Amino acid sequence: ELTLWFDLPAAQAAARRASAREADRIEQQDLDFFERVRAAYAARAAQAPQRIVRIDASGTVAQVGAQVLNVLAQRYPGLQAPC
């Protein structure tokens, strides 16, 4: 099993959400809520580092995508990109 955790500071995530669309019920929570959620994910990742891999989501789409591909290549050496 592999879980990719796309980690992004709460303030940066809020800024991205604000520019994308209207916030839903959960997205309307305050930054403290999202920091607590982030801390919970960090704690889970620390307990199961072989299963939960942190992806730094603060970069560009290309940078984040490269991290994902790198993790997948390491975990699944025989995996090939679709044509």
PDB file of N, CA and C in Angstrom:
ATOM      1  N   GLU A   1       0.827  -1.185   0.000  1.00  0.00           N
ATOM      2  CA  GLU A   1       0.000   0.000   0.000  1.00  0.00           C
ATOM      3  C   GLU A   1       0.868   1.244   0.000  1.00  0.00           C
ATOM      4  N   LEU A   2       0.411   2.242  -0.694  1.00  0.00           N
ATOM      5  CA  LEU A   2       1.126   3.511  -0.750  1.00  0.00           C
ATOM      6  C   LEU A   2       0.115   4.642  -0.679  1.00  0.00           C
ATOM      7  N   THR A   3       0.360   5.565   0.231  1.00  0.00           N
ATOM      8  CA  THR A   3      -0.460   6.771   0.343  1.00  0.00           C
ATOM      9  C   THR A   3       0.432   7.962   0.079  1.00  0.00           C
ATOM     10  N   LEU A   4       0.053   8.794  -0.864  1.00  0.00           N
ATOM     11  CA  LEU A   4       0.780  10.029  -1.131  1.00  0.00           C
ATOM     12  C   LEU A   4       0.074  11.153  -0.395  1.00  0.00           C
ATOM     13  N   TRP A   5       0.814  11.834   0.464  1.00  0.00           N
ATOM     14  CA  TRP A   5       0.277  12.952   1.243  1.00  0.00           C
ATOM     15  C   TRP A   5       0.804  14.232   0.606  1.00  0.00           C
ATOM     16  N   PHE A   6      -0.076  14.997   0.011  1.00  0.00           N
ATOM     17  CA  PHE A   6       0.293  16.259  -0.630  1.00  0.00           C
ATOM     18  C   PHE A   6       0.259  17.343   0.440  1.00  0.00           C
ATOM     19  N   ASP A   7       1.432  17.672   0.960  1.00  0.00           N
ATOM     20  CA  ASP A   7       1.569  18.583   2.093  1.00  0.00           C
ATOM     21  C   ASP A   7       1.735  20.015   1.617  1.00  0.00           C
ATOM     22  N   LEU A   8       0.907  20.892   2.180  1.00  0.00           N
ATOM     23  CA  LEU A   8       0.935  22.301   1.822  1.00  0.00           C
ATOM     24  C   LEU A   8       0.563  23.103   3.056  1.00  0.00           C
ATOM     25  N   PRO A   9       1.351  24.130   3.418  1.00  0.00           N
ATOM     26  CA  PRO A   9       0.975  24.960   4.560  1.00  0.00           C
ATOM     27  C   PRO A   9      -0.447  25.502   4.389  1.00  0.00           C
ATOM     28  N   ALA A  10      -1.172  25.594   5.499  1.00  0.00           N
ATOM     29  CA  ALA A  10      -2.584  25.978   5.456  1.00  0.00           C
ATOM     30  C   ALA A  10      -2.811  27.322   4.771  1.00  0.00           C
ATOM     31  N   ALA A  11      -1.972  28.292   5.035  1.00  0.00           N
ATOM     32  CA  ALA A  11      -2.156  29.618   4.427  1.00  0.00           C
ATOM     33  C   ALA A  11      -1.994  29.552   2.911  1.00  0.00           C
ATOM     34  N   GLN A  12      -1.033  28.782   2.456  1.00  0.00           N
ATOM     35  CA  GLN A  12      -0.820  28.644   1.013  1.00  0.00           C
ATOM     36  C   GLN A  12      -1.984  27.884   0.369  1.00  0.00           C
ATOM     37  N   ALA A  13      -2.477  26.877   1.045  1.00  0.00           N
ATOM     38  CA  ALA A  13      -3.625  26.127   0.531  1.00  0.00           C
ATOM     39  C   ALA A  13      -4.854  27.027   0.442  1.00  0.00           C
ATOM     40  N   ALA A  14      -5.056  27.873   1.450  1.00  0.00           N
ATOM     41  CA  ALA A  14      -6.200  28.791   1.443  1.00  0.00           C
ATOM     42  C   ALA A  14      -6.107  29.767   0.282  1.00  0.00           C
ATOM     43  N   ALA A  15      -4.918  30.256   0.006  1.00  0.00           N
ATOM     44  CA  ALA A  15      -4.736  31.188  -1.111  1.00  0.00           C
ATOM     45  C   ALA A  15      -5.043  30.501  -2.437  1.00  0.00           C
ATOM     46  N   ARG A  16      -4.623  29.272  -2.585  1.00  0.00           N
ATOM     47  CA  ARG A  16      -4.910  28.534  -3.820  1.00  0.00           C
ATOM     48  C   ARG A  16      -6.411  28.283  -3.967  1.00  0.00           C
ATOM     49  N   ARG A  17      -7.041  27.897  -2.869  1.00  0.00           N
ATOM     50  CA  ARG A  17      -8.487  27.648  -2.913  1.00  0.00           C
ATOM     51  C   ARG A  17      -9.249  28.909  -3.281  1.00  0.00           C
ATOM     52  N   ALA A  18      -8.868  30.025  -2.704  1.00  0.00           N
ATOM     53  CA  ALA A  18      -9.578  31.287  -2.935  1.00  0.00           C
ATOM     54  C   ALA A  18      -9.557  31.685  -4.400  1.00  0.00           C
ATOM     55  N   SER A  19      -8.484  31.364  -5.080  1.00  0.00           N
ATOM     56  CA  SER A  19      -8.380  31.745  -6.488  1.00  0.00           C
ATOM     57  C   SER A  19      -9.028  30.722  -7.420  1.00  0.00           C
ATOM     58  N   ALA A  20      -9.427  29.572  -6.889  1.00  0.00           N
ATOM     59  CA  ALA A  20      -9.949  28.505  -7.741  1.00  0.00           C
ATOM     60  C   ALA A  20     -11.471  28.534  -7.880  1.00  0.00           C
ATOM     61  N   ARG A  21     -12.144  28.625  -6.750  1.00  0.00           N
ATOM     62  CA  ARG A  21     -13.611  28.546  -6.774  1.00  0.00           C
ATOM     63  C   ARG A  21     -14.151  28.896  -5.395  1.00  0.00           C
ATOM     64  N   GLU A  22     -15.466  28.872  -5.274  1.00  0.00           N
ATOM     65  CA  GLU A  22     -16.089  29.138  -3.981  1.00  0.00           C
ATOM     66  C   GLU A  22     -15.809  27.976  -3.030  1.00  0.00           C
ATOM     67  N   ALA A  23     -15.512  28.297  -1.776  1.00  0.00           N
ATOM     68  CA  ALA A  23     -15.168  27.276  -0.785  1.00  0.00           C
ATOM     69  C   ALA A  23     -16.392  26.456  -0.395  1.00  0.00           C
ATOM     70  N   ASP A  24     -16.179  25.145  -0.195  1.00  0.00           N
ATOM     71  CA  ASP A  24     -17.260  24.294   0.303  1.00  0.00           C
ATOM     72  C   ASP A  24     -17.271  24.347   1.832  1.00  0.00           C
ATOM     73  N   ARG A  25     -18.126  23.544   2.455  1.00  0.00           N
ATOM     74  CA  ARG A  25     -18.306  23.582   3.912  1.00  0.00           C
ATOM     75  C   ARG A  25     -16.986  23.360   4.657  1.00  0.00           C
ATOM     76  N   ILE A  26     -16.221  22.381   4.261  1.00  0.00           N
ATOM     77  CA  ILE A  26     -14.953  22.091   4.950  1.00  0.00           C
ATOM     78  C   ILE A  26     -13.938  23.187   4.663  1.00  0.00           C
ATOM     79  N   GLU A  27     -13.876  23.624   3.433  1.00  0.00           N
ATOM     80  CA  GLU A  27     -12.897  24.648   3.051  1.00  0.00           C
ATOM     81  C   GLU A  27     -13.160  25.984   3.736  1.00  0.00           C
ATOM     82  N   GLN A  28     -14.340  26.171   4.308  1.00  0.00           N
ATOM     83  CA  GLN A  28     -14.665  27.409   5.008  1.00  0.00           C
ATOM     84  C   GLN A  28     -14.124  27.433   6.438  1.00  0.00           C
ATOM     85  N   GLN A  29     -13.541  26.336   6.883  1.00  0.00           N
ATOM     86  CA  GLN A  29     -12.954  26.294   8.227  1.00  0.00           C
ATOM     87  C   GLN A  29     -11.771  27.259   8.308  1.00  0.00           C
ATOM     88  N   ASP A  30     -11.403  27.646   9.541  1.00  0.00           N
ATOM     89  CA  ASP A  30     -10.290  28.584   9.707  1.00  0.00           C
ATOM     90  C   ASP A  30      -8.943  27.881   9.544  1.00  0.00           C
ATOM     91  N   LEU A  31      -7.882  28.689   9.450  1.00  0.00           N
ATOM     92  CA  LEU A  31      -6.538  28.138   9.222  1.00  0.00           C
ATOM     93  C   LEU A  31      -6.101  27.196  10.332  1.00  0.00           C
ATOM     94  N   ASP A  32      -6.519  27.469  11.567  1.00  0.00           N
ATOM     95  CA  ASP A  32      -6.145  26.612  12.686  1.00  0.00           C
ATOM     96  C   ASP A  32      -6.645  25.179  12.462  1.00  0.00           C
ATOM     97  N   PHE A  33      -7.844  25.037  11.944  1.00  0.00           N
ATOM     98  CA  PHE A  33      -8.390  23.715  11.628  1.00  0.00           C
ATOM     99  C   PHE A  33      -7.466  22.980  10.660  1.00  0.00           C
ATOM    100  N   PHE A  34      -7.056  23.668   9.596  1.00  0.00           N
ATOM    101  CA  PHE A  34      -6.221  23.026   8.584  1.00  0.00           C
ATOM    102  C   PHE A  34      -4.818  22.734   9.100  1.00  0.00           C
ATOM    103  N   GLU A  35      -4.314  23.547  10.006  1.00  0.00           N
ATOM    104  CA  GLU A  35      -3.012  23.248  10.617  1.00  0.00           C
ATOM    105  C   GLU A  35      -3.110  21.996  11.486  1.00  0.00           C
ATOM    106  N   ARG A  36      -4.235  21.830  12.186  1.00  0.00           N
ATOM    107  CA  ARG A  36      -4.430  20.614  12.991  1.00  0.00           C
ATOM    108  C   ARG A  36      -4.523  19.381  12.090  1.00  0.00           C
ATOM    109  N   VAL A  37      -5.228  19.512  10.985  1.00  0.00           N
ATOM    110  CA  VAL A  37      -5.329  18.396  10.036  1.00  0.00           C
ATOM    111  C   VAL A  37      -3.946  18.055   9.488  1.00  0.00           C
ATOM    112  N   ARG A  38      -3.190  19.089   9.139  1.00  0.00           N
ATOM    113  CA  ARG A  38      -1.837  18.875   8.612  1.00  0.00           C
ATOM    114  C   ARG A  38      -0.954  18.172   9.646  1.00  0.00           C
ATOM    115  N   ALA A  39      -1.051  18.600  10.907  1.00  0.00           N
ATOM    116  CA  ALA A  39      -0.269  17.974  11.976  1.00  0.00           C
ATOM    117  C   ALA A  39      -0.661  16.507  12.155  1.00  0.00           C
ATOM    118  N   ALA A  40      -1.937  16.209  12.012  1.00  0.00           N
ATOM    119  CA  ALA A  40      -2.391  14.821  12.131  1.00  0.00           C
ATOM    120  C   ALA A  40      -1.819  13.968  11.002  1.00  0.00           C
ATOM    121  N   TYR A  41      -1.805  14.506   9.796  1.00  0.00           N
ATOM    122  CA  TYR A  41      -1.201  13.767   8.678  1.00  0.00           C
ATOM    123  C   TYR A  41       0.295  13.561   8.917  1.00  0.00           C
ATOM    124  N   ALA A  42       0.975  14.570   9.427  1.00  0.00           N
ATOM    125  CA  ALA A  42       2.409  14.446   9.701  1.00  0.00           C
ATOM    126  C   ALA A  42       2.664  13.359  10.739  1.00  0.00           C
ATOM    127  N   ALA A  43       1.821  13.312  11.761  1.00  0.00           N
ATOM    128  CA  ALA A  43       1.975  12.287  12.793  1.00  0.00           C
ATOM    129  C   ALA A  43       1.753  10.894  12.212  1.00  0.00           C
ATOM    130  N   ARG A  44       0.742  10.752  11.369  1.00  0.00           N
ATOM    131  CA  ARG A  44       0.484   9.452  10.738  1.00  0.00           C
ATOM    132  C   ARG A  44       1.643   9.042   9.836  1.00  0.00           C
ATOM    133  N   ALA A  45       2.172  10.001   9.090  1.00  0.00           N
ATOM    134  CA  ALA A  45       3.297   9.707   8.199  1.00  0.00           C
ATOM    135  C   ALA A  45       4.521   9.273   9.000  1.00  0.00           C
ATOM    136  N   ALA A  46       4.730   9.884  10.159  1.00  0.00           N
ATOM    137  CA  ALA A  46       5.865   9.510  11.005  1.00  0.00           C
ATOM    138  C   ALA A  46       5.701   8.094  11.556  1.00  0.00           C
ATOM    139  N   GLN A  47       4.462   7.678  11.784  1.00  0.00           N
ATOM    140  CA  GLN A  47       4.197   6.333  12.300  1.00  0.00           C
ATOM    141  C   GLN A  47       4.324   5.258  11.223  1.00  0.00           C
ATOM    142  N   ALA A  48       4.107   5.646   9.977  1.00  0.00           N
ATOM    143  CA  ALA A  48       4.121   4.657   8.892  1.00  0.00           C
ATOM    144  C   ALA A  48       4.858   5.201   7.672  1.00  0.00           C
ATOM    145  N   PRO A  49       6.159   5.501   7.820  1.00  0.00           N
ATOM    146  CA  PRO A  49       6.892   6.112   6.706  1.00  0.00           C
ATOM    147  C   PRO A  49       7.028   5.209   5.481  1.00  0.00           C
ATOM    148  N   GLN A  50       6.918   3.912   5.668  1.00  0.00           N
ATOM    149  CA  GLN A  50       6.997   3.010   4.529  1.00  0.00           C
ATOM    150  C   GLN A  50       5.713   3.032   3.706  1.00  0.00           C
ATOM    151  N   ARG A  51       4.624   3.502   4.300  1.00  0.00           N
ATOM    152  CA  ARG A  51       3.337   3.527   3.607  1.00  0.00           C
ATOM    153  C   ARG A  51       2.928   4.931   3.182  1.00  0.00           C
ATOM    154  N   ILE A  52       3.183   5.929   4.024  1.00  0.00           N
ATOM    155  CA  ILE A  52       2.742   7.299   3.743  1.00  0.00           C
ATOM    156  C   ILE A  52       3.949   8.132   3.342  1.00  0.00           C
ATOM    157  N   VAL A  53       3.922   8.645   2.128  1.00  0.00           N
ATOM    158  CA  VAL A  53       5.030   9.442   1.602  1.00  0.00           C
ATOM    159  C   VAL A  53       4.570  10.884   1.453  1.00  0.00           C
ATOM    160  N   ARG A  54       5.342  11.784   2.035  1.00  0.00           N
ATOM    161  CA  ARG A  54       5.029  13.211   1.947  1.00  0.00           C
ATOM    162  C   ARG A  54       5.496  13.763   0.608  1.00  0.00           C
ATOM    163  N   ILE A  55       4.590  14.458  -0.062  1.00  0.00           N
ATOM    164  CA  ILE A  55       4.900  15.174  -1.291  1.00  0.00           C
ATOM    165  C   ILE A  55       4.805  16.659  -0.966  1.00  0.00           C
ATOM    166  N   ASP A  56       5.861  17.402  -1.216  1.00  0.00           N
ATOM    167  CA  ASP A  56       5.849  18.850  -0.989  1.00  0.00           C
ATOM    168  C   ASP A  56       5.007  19.484  -2.093  1.00  0.00           C
ATOM    169  N   ALA A  57       3.808  19.909  -1.749  1.00  0.00           N
ATOM    170  CA  ALA A  57       2.868  20.439  -2.737  1.00  0.00           C
ATOM    171  C   ALA A  57       2.985  21.947  -2.916  1.00  0.00           C
ATOM    172  N   SER A  58       4.038  22.550  -2.382  1.00  0.00           N
ATOM    173  CA  SER A  58       4.177  24.006  -2.472  1.00  0.00           C
ATOM    174  C   SER A  58       4.764  24.468  -3.803  1.00  0.00           C
ATOM    175  N   GLY A  59       5.250  23.542  -4.593  1.00  0.00           N
ATOM    176  CA  GLY A  59       5.870  23.908  -5.866  1.00  0.00           C
ATOM    177  C   GLY A  59       4.870  24.023  -6.997  1.00  0.00           C
ATOM    178  N   THR A  60       5.415  24.101  -8.181  1.00  0.00           N
ATOM    179  CA  THR A  60       4.589  24.160  -9.383  1.00  0.00           C
ATOM    180  C   THR A  60       3.984  22.784  -9.658  1.00  0.00           C
ATOM    181  N   VAL A  61       3.039  22.749 -10.565  1.00  0.00           N
ATOM    182  CA  VAL A  61       2.448  21.468 -10.957  1.00  0.00           C
ATOM    183  C   VAL A  61       3.541  20.526 -11.462  1.00  0.00           C
ATOM    184  N   ALA A  62       4.467  21.046 -12.248  1.00  0.00           N
ATOM    185  CA  ALA A  62       5.552  20.216 -12.781  1.00  0.00           C
ATOM    186  C   ALA A  62       6.449  19.684 -11.660  1.00  0.00           C
ATOM    187  N   GLN A  63       6.759  20.520 -10.676  1.00  0.00           N
ATOM    188  CA  GLN A  63       7.614  20.087  -9.568  1.00  0.00           C
ATOM    189  C   GLN A  63       6.932  19.015  -8.726  1.00  0.00           C
ATOM    190  N   VAL A  64       5.660  19.230  -8.431  1.00  0.00           N
ATOM    191  CA  VAL A  64       4.914  18.253  -7.637  1.00  0.00           C
ATOM    192  C   VAL A  64       4.781  16.950  -8.424  1.00  0.00           C
ATOM    193  N   GLY A  65       4.477  17.065  -9.699  1.00  0.00           N
ATOM    194  CA  GLY A  65       4.369  15.876 -10.545  1.00  0.00           C
ATOM    195  C   GLY A  65       5.665  15.091 -10.600  1.00  0.00           C
ATOM    196  N   ALA A  66       6.787  15.796 -10.654  1.00  0.00           N
ATOM    197  CA  ALA A  66       8.090  15.125 -10.684  1.00  0.00           C
ATOM    198  C   ALA A  66       8.331  14.350  -9.391  1.00  0.00           C
ATOM    199  N   GLN A  67       7.927  14.917  -8.262  1.00  0.00           N
ATOM    200  CA  GLN A  67       8.068  14.202  -6.994  1.00  0.00           C
ATOM    201  C   GLN A  67       7.243  12.920  -7.000  1.00  0.00           C
ATOM    202  N   VAL A  68       6.013  13.027  -7.493  1.00  0.00           N
ATOM    203  CA  VAL A  68       5.134  11.858  -7.547  1.00  0.00           C
ATOM    204  C   VAL A  68       5.751  10.773  -8.427  1.00  0.00           C
ATOM    205  N   LEU A  69       6.207  11.156  -9.605  1.00  0.00           N
ATOM    206  CA  LEU A  69       6.818  10.177 -10.508  1.00  0.00           C
ATOM    207  C   LEU A  69       8.053   9.541  -9.888  1.00  0.00           C
ATOM    208  N   ASN A  70       8.851  10.329  -9.165  1.00  0.00           N
ATOM    209  CA  ASN A  70      10.043   9.808  -8.506  1.00  0.00           C
ATOM    210  C   ASN A  70       9.673   8.760  -7.455  1.00  0.00           C
ATOM    211  N   VAL A  71       8.672   9.063  -6.640  1.00  0.00           N
ATOM    212  CA  VAL A  71       8.232   8.111  -5.615  1.00  0.00           C
ATOM    213  C   VAL A  71       7.724   6.829  -6.270  1.00  0.00           C
ATOM    214  N   LEU A  72       6.903   6.980  -7.305  1.00  0.00           N
ATOM    215  CA  LEU A  72       6.362   5.801  -7.983  1.00  0.00           C
ATOM    216  C   LEU A  72       7.465   4.969  -8.625  1.00  0.00           C
ATOM    217  N   ALA A  73       8.455   5.623  -9.220  1.00  0.00           N
ATOM    218  CA  ALA A  73       9.567   4.901  -9.847  1.00  0.00           C
ATOM    219  C   ALA A  73      10.373   4.129  -8.810  1.00  0.00           C
ATOM    220  N   GLN A  74      10.551   4.721  -7.624  1.00  0.00           N
ATOM    221  CA  GLN A  74      11.294   4.039  -6.567  1.00  0.00           C
ATOM    222  C   GLN A  74      10.518   2.851  -6.015  1.00  0.00           C
ATOM    223  N   ARG A  75       9.223   3.037  -5.831  1.00  0.00           N
ATOM    224  CA  ARG A  75       8.391   1.985  -5.240  1.00  0.00           C
ATOM    225  C   ARG A  75       8.052   0.866  -6.213  1.00  0.00           C
ATOM    226  N   TYR A  76       7.870   1.238  -7.468  1.00  0.00           N
ATOM    227  CA  TYR A  76       7.428   0.283  -8.484  1.00  0.00           C
ATOM    228  C   TYR A  76       8.367   0.362  -9.684  1.00  0.00           C
ATOM    229  N   PRO A  77       9.565  -0.228  -9.572  1.00  0.00           N
ATOM    230  CA  PRO A  77      10.576  -0.094 -10.621  1.00  0.00           C
ATOM    231  C   PRO A  77      10.117  -0.538 -12.008  1.00  0.00           C
ATOM    232  N   GLY A  78       9.199  -1.476 -12.099  1.00  0.00           N
ATOM    233  CA  GLY A  78       8.742  -1.957 -13.398  1.00  0.00           C
ATOM    234  C   GLY A  78       7.654  -1.102 -14.022  1.00  0.00           C
ATOM    235  N   LEU A  79       7.201  -0.104 -13.302  1.00  0.00           N
ATOM    236  CA  LEU A  79       6.118   0.749 -13.787  1.00  0.00           C
ATOM    237  C   LEU A  79       6.592   1.590 -14.960  1.00  0.00           C
ATOM    238  N   GLN A  80       5.782   1.624 -15.999  1.00  0.00           N
ATOM    239  CA  GLN A  80       6.113   2.430 -17.171  1.00  0.00           C
ATOM    240  C   GLN A  80       5.006   3.431 -17.409  1.00  0.00           C
ATOM    241  N   ALA A  81       5.387   4.598 -17.896  1.00  0.00           N
ATOM    242  CA  ALA A  81       4.404   5.631 -18.212  1.00  0.00           C
ATOM    243  C   ALA A  81       3.564   5.185 -19.400  1.00  0.00           C
ATOM    244  N   PRO A  82       2.283   5.573 -19.414  1.00  0.00           N
ATOM    245  CA  PRO A  82       1.452   5.217 -20.570  1.00  0.00           C
ATOM    246  C   PRO A  82       1.946   5.919 -21.827  1.00  0.00           C
ATOM    247  N   CYS A  83       1.701   5.303 -22.956  1.00  0.00           N
ATOM    248  CA  CYS A  83       2.132   5.882 -24.243  1.00  0.00           C
ATOM    249  C   CYS A  83       1.268   7.049 -24.637  1.00  0.00           C
TER     250      CYS A  83
END
